Amino acid sequence: MIICAILINRNLRLKRQRHRQLDVNNQVSNEQNQRKRDQQAFVMLLLHAIVFLATQTSWMVVYFYTVATGRLAIEQFISSSTDRRLLLFLAILFYLYILTSR
């Protein structure tokens, strides 16, 4: 995801350079608006990647723990807590998209 965010940022910069060559009028205001939108998209993608990694590491812990031990009660507790983290991840993404789309 972080690689995709970096590639999207690069593509947005290239797009901005192409538009600079084509549009000489209203360059300052258009450039400021475009830069603002690009920054918002980049921040949104980076926050998405960070939140995804923070919430999905628990799934990896559960997987490695269930391979190492055979305790059913502990596994179910950890599994239910990771399910809640997944729902929390989706809710946080919703709010991140809303907050960064000003």
C-alpha atoms as a PDB file:
ATOM      1  CA  MET A   1       0.000   0.000   0.000  1.00  0.00           C
ATOM      2  CA  ILE A   2       2.814   2.386   0.803  1.00  0.00           C
ATOM      3  CA  ILE A   3       4.354   1.663  -2.593  1.00  0.00           C
ATOM      4  CA  CYS A   4       1.012   2.436  -4.245  1.00  0.00           C
ATOM      5  CA  ALA A   5       0.787   5.701  -2.298  1.00  0.00           C
ATOM      6  CA  ILE A   6       4.253   6.713  -3.468  1.00  0.00           C
ATOM      7  CA  LEU A   7       3.433   5.809  -7.075  1.00  0.00           C
ATOM      8  CA  ILE A   8       0.176   7.765  -6.930  1.00  0.00           C
ATOM      9  CA  ASN A   9       2.048  10.766  -5.553  1.00  0.00           C
ATOM     10  CA  ARG A  10       4.566  10.525  -8.409  1.00  0.00           C
ATOM     11  CA  ASN A  11       1.775  10.259 -10.990  1.00  0.00           C
ATOM     12  CA  LEU A  12       0.040  13.288  -9.512  1.00  0.00           C
ATOM     13  CA  ARG A  13       3.276  15.298  -9.772  1.00  0.00           C
ATOM     14  CA  LEU A  14       3.691  14.255 -13.418  1.00  0.00           C
ATOM     15  CA  LYS A  15       0.082  15.195 -14.132  1.00  0.00           C
ATOM     16  CA  ARG A  16       0.633  18.585 -12.519  1.00  0.00           C
ATOM     17  CA  GLN A  17       3.707  19.176 -14.702  1.00  0.00           C
ATOM     18  CA  ARG A  18       1.737  18.361 -17.857  1.00  0.00           C
ATOM     19  CA  HIS A  19      -1.013  20.777 -16.861  1.00  0.00           C
ATOM     20  CA  ARG A  20       1.527  23.529 -16.188  1.00  0.00           C
ATOM     21  CA  GLN A  21       2.733  23.283 -19.756  1.00  0.00           C
ATOM     22  CA  LEU A  22      -0.797  23.473 -21.166  1.00  0.00           C
ATOM     23  CA  ASP A  23      -2.374  26.113 -18.944  1.00  0.00           C
ATOM     24  CA  VAL A  24      -0.643  29.471 -18.609  1.00  0.00           C
ATOM     25  CA  ASN A  25      -3.729  31.439 -17.472  1.00  0.00           C
ATOM     26  CA  ASN A  26      -4.872  31.111 -13.859  1.00  0.00           C
ATOM     27  CA  GLN A  27      -1.734  29.169 -13.120  1.00  0.00           C
ATOM     28  CA  VAL A  28      -1.288  30.279  -9.516  1.00  0.00           C
ATOM     29  CA  SER A  29      -4.799  29.499  -8.292  1.00  0.00           C
ATOM     30  CA  ASN A  30      -5.058  26.252 -10.252  1.00  0.00           C
ATOM     31  CA  GLU A  31      -1.655  25.133  -9.042  1.00  0.00           C
ATOM     32  CA  GLN A  32      -2.545  25.813  -5.400  1.00  0.00           C
ATOM     33  CA  ASN A  33      -5.833  23.936  -5.702  1.00  0.00           C
ATOM     34  CA  GLN A  34      -4.172  21.014  -7.461  1.00  0.00           C
ATOM     35  CA  ARG A  35      -1.370  20.816  -4.910  1.00  0.00           C
ATOM     36  CA  LYS A  36      -3.900  20.899  -2.072  1.00  0.00           C
ATOM     37  CA  ARG A  37      -5.890  18.021  -3.612  1.00  0.00           C
ATOM     38  CA  ASP A  38      -2.729  16.023  -4.256  1.00  0.00           C
ATOM     39  CA  GLN A  39      -1.584  16.440  -0.671  1.00  0.00           C
ATOM     40  CA  GLN A  40      -4.980  15.365   0.632  1.00  0.00           C
ATOM     41  CA  ALA A  41      -4.926  12.225  -1.523  1.00  0.00           C
ATOM     42  CA  PHE A  42      -1.396  11.369  -0.454  1.00  0.00           C
ATOM     43  CA  VAL A  43      -2.146  11.877   3.254  1.00  0.00           C
ATOM     44  CA  MET A  44      -5.277   9.768   2.936  1.00  0.00           C
ATOM     45  CA  LEU A  45      -3.355   6.911   1.309  1.00  0.00           C
ATOM     46  CA  LEU A  46      -0.553   6.989   3.856  1.00  0.00           C
ATOM     47  CA  LEU A  47      -2.992   7.040   6.769  1.00  0.00           C
ATOM     48  CA  HIS A  48      -4.855   4.149   5.169  1.00  0.00           C
ATOM     49  CA  ALA A  49      -1.644   2.112   4.988  1.00  0.00           C
ATOM     50  CA  ILE A  50      -0.646   2.931   8.577  1.00  0.00           C
ATOM     51  CA  VAL A  51      -4.054   2.063  10.010  1.00  0.00           C
ATOM     52  CA  PHE A  52      -4.186  -1.134   7.952  1.00  0.00           C
ATOM     53  CA  LEU A  53      -0.814  -2.279   9.246  1.00  0.00           C
ATOM     54  CA  ALA A  54      -1.704  -1.374  12.829  1.00  0.00           C
ATOM     55  CA  THR A  55      -4.940  -3.341  12.764  1.00  0.00           C
ATOM     56  CA  GLN A  56      -3.804  -6.322  10.722  1.00  0.00           C
ATOM     57  CA  THR A  57      -0.732  -7.192  12.759  1.00  0.00           C
ATOM     58  CA  SER A  58      -3.059  -8.800  15.278  1.00  0.00           C
ATOM     59  CA  TRP A  59      -4.140 -11.323  12.625  1.00  0.00           C
ATOM     60  CA  MET A  60      -0.526 -12.342  12.159  1.00  0.00           C
ATOM     61  CA  VAL A  61      -0.098 -12.749  15.916  1.00  0.00           C
ATOM     62  CA  VAL A  62      -3.198 -14.954  16.079  1.00  0.00           C
ATOM     63  CA  TYR A  63      -1.976 -17.097  13.211  1.00  0.00           C
ATOM     64  CA  PHE A  64       1.454 -17.667  14.718  1.00  0.00           C
ATOM     65  CA  TYR A  65      -0.003 -18.243  18.171  1.00  0.00           C
ATOM     66  CA  THR A  66      -2.461 -20.882  16.970  1.00  0.00           C
ATOM     67  CA  VAL A  67       0.334 -22.684  15.171  1.00  0.00           C
ATOM     68  CA  ALA A  68       2.521 -22.663  18.285  1.00  0.00           C
ATOM     69  CA  THR A  69      -0.078 -23.697  20.898  1.00  0.00           C
ATOM     70  CA  GLY A  70      -3.359 -25.532  21.097  1.00  0.00           C
ATOM     71  CA  ARG A  71      -5.269 -23.532  23.704  1.00  0.00           C
ATOM     72  CA  LEU A  72      -8.801 -23.098  22.460  1.00  0.00           C
ATOM     73  CA  ALA A  73     -10.101 -20.490  24.927  1.00  0.00           C
ATOM     74  CA  ILE A  74      -7.162 -18.159  24.413  1.00  0.00           C
ATOM     75  CA  GLU A  75      -7.393 -18.591  20.655  1.00  0.00           C
ATOM     76  CA  GLN A  76     -11.073 -17.688  20.639  1.00  0.00           C
ATOM     77  CA  PHE A  77     -10.454 -14.618  22.793  1.00  0.00           C
ATOM     78  CA  ILE A  78      -7.661 -13.401  20.550  1.00  0.00           C
ATOM     79  CA  SER A  79      -9.707 -14.170  17.451  1.00  0.00           C
ATOM     80  CA  SER A  80     -12.683 -12.173  18.699  1.00  0.00           C
ATOM     81  CA  SER A  81     -10.453  -9.242  19.624  1.00  0.00           C
ATOM     82  CA  THR A  82      -8.912  -9.255  16.150  1.00  0.00           C
ATOM     83  CA  ASP A  83     -12.387  -9.310  14.627  1.00  0.00           C
ATOM     84  CA  ARG A  84     -13.183  -6.185  16.600  1.00  0.00           C
ATOM     85  CA  ARG A  85      -9.961  -4.606  15.377  1.00  0.00           C
ATOM     86  CA  LEU A  86     -10.983  -5.311  11.803  1.00  0.00           C
ATOM     87  CA  LEU A  87     -14.293  -3.538  12.360  1.00  0.00           C
ATOM     88  CA  LEU A  88     -12.411  -0.701  14.030  1.00  0.00           C
ATOM     89  CA  PHE A  89     -10.121  -0.523  10.988  1.00  0.00           C
ATOM     90  CA  LEU A  90     -13.075  -0.088   8.661  1.00  0.00           C
ATOM     91  CA  ALA A  91     -14.635   2.578  10.885  1.00  0.00           C
ATOM     92  CA  ILE A  92     -11.349   4.474  11.143  1.00  0.00           C
ATOM     93  CA  LEU A  93     -10.957   4.389   7.360  1.00  0.00           C
ATOM     94  CA  PHE A  94     -14.400   5.915   6.953  1.00  0.00           C
ATOM     95  CA  TYR A  95     -13.534   8.776   9.284  1.00  0.00           C
ATOM     96  CA  LEU A  96     -10.089   9.255   7.718  1.00  0.00           C
ATOM     97  CA  TYR A  97     -11.638   9.651   4.286  1.00  0.00           C
ATOM     98  CA  ILE A  98     -14.108  12.180   5.635  1.00  0.00           C
ATOM     99  CA  LEU A  99     -11.491  14.162   7.564  1.00  0.00           C
ATOM    100  CA  THR A 100      -8.965  14.318   4.735  1.00  0.00           C
ATOM    101  CA  SER A 101     -11.474  15.285   2.040  1.00  0.00           C
ATOM    102  CA  ARG A 102     -11.831  18.900   3.091  1.00  0.00           C
END
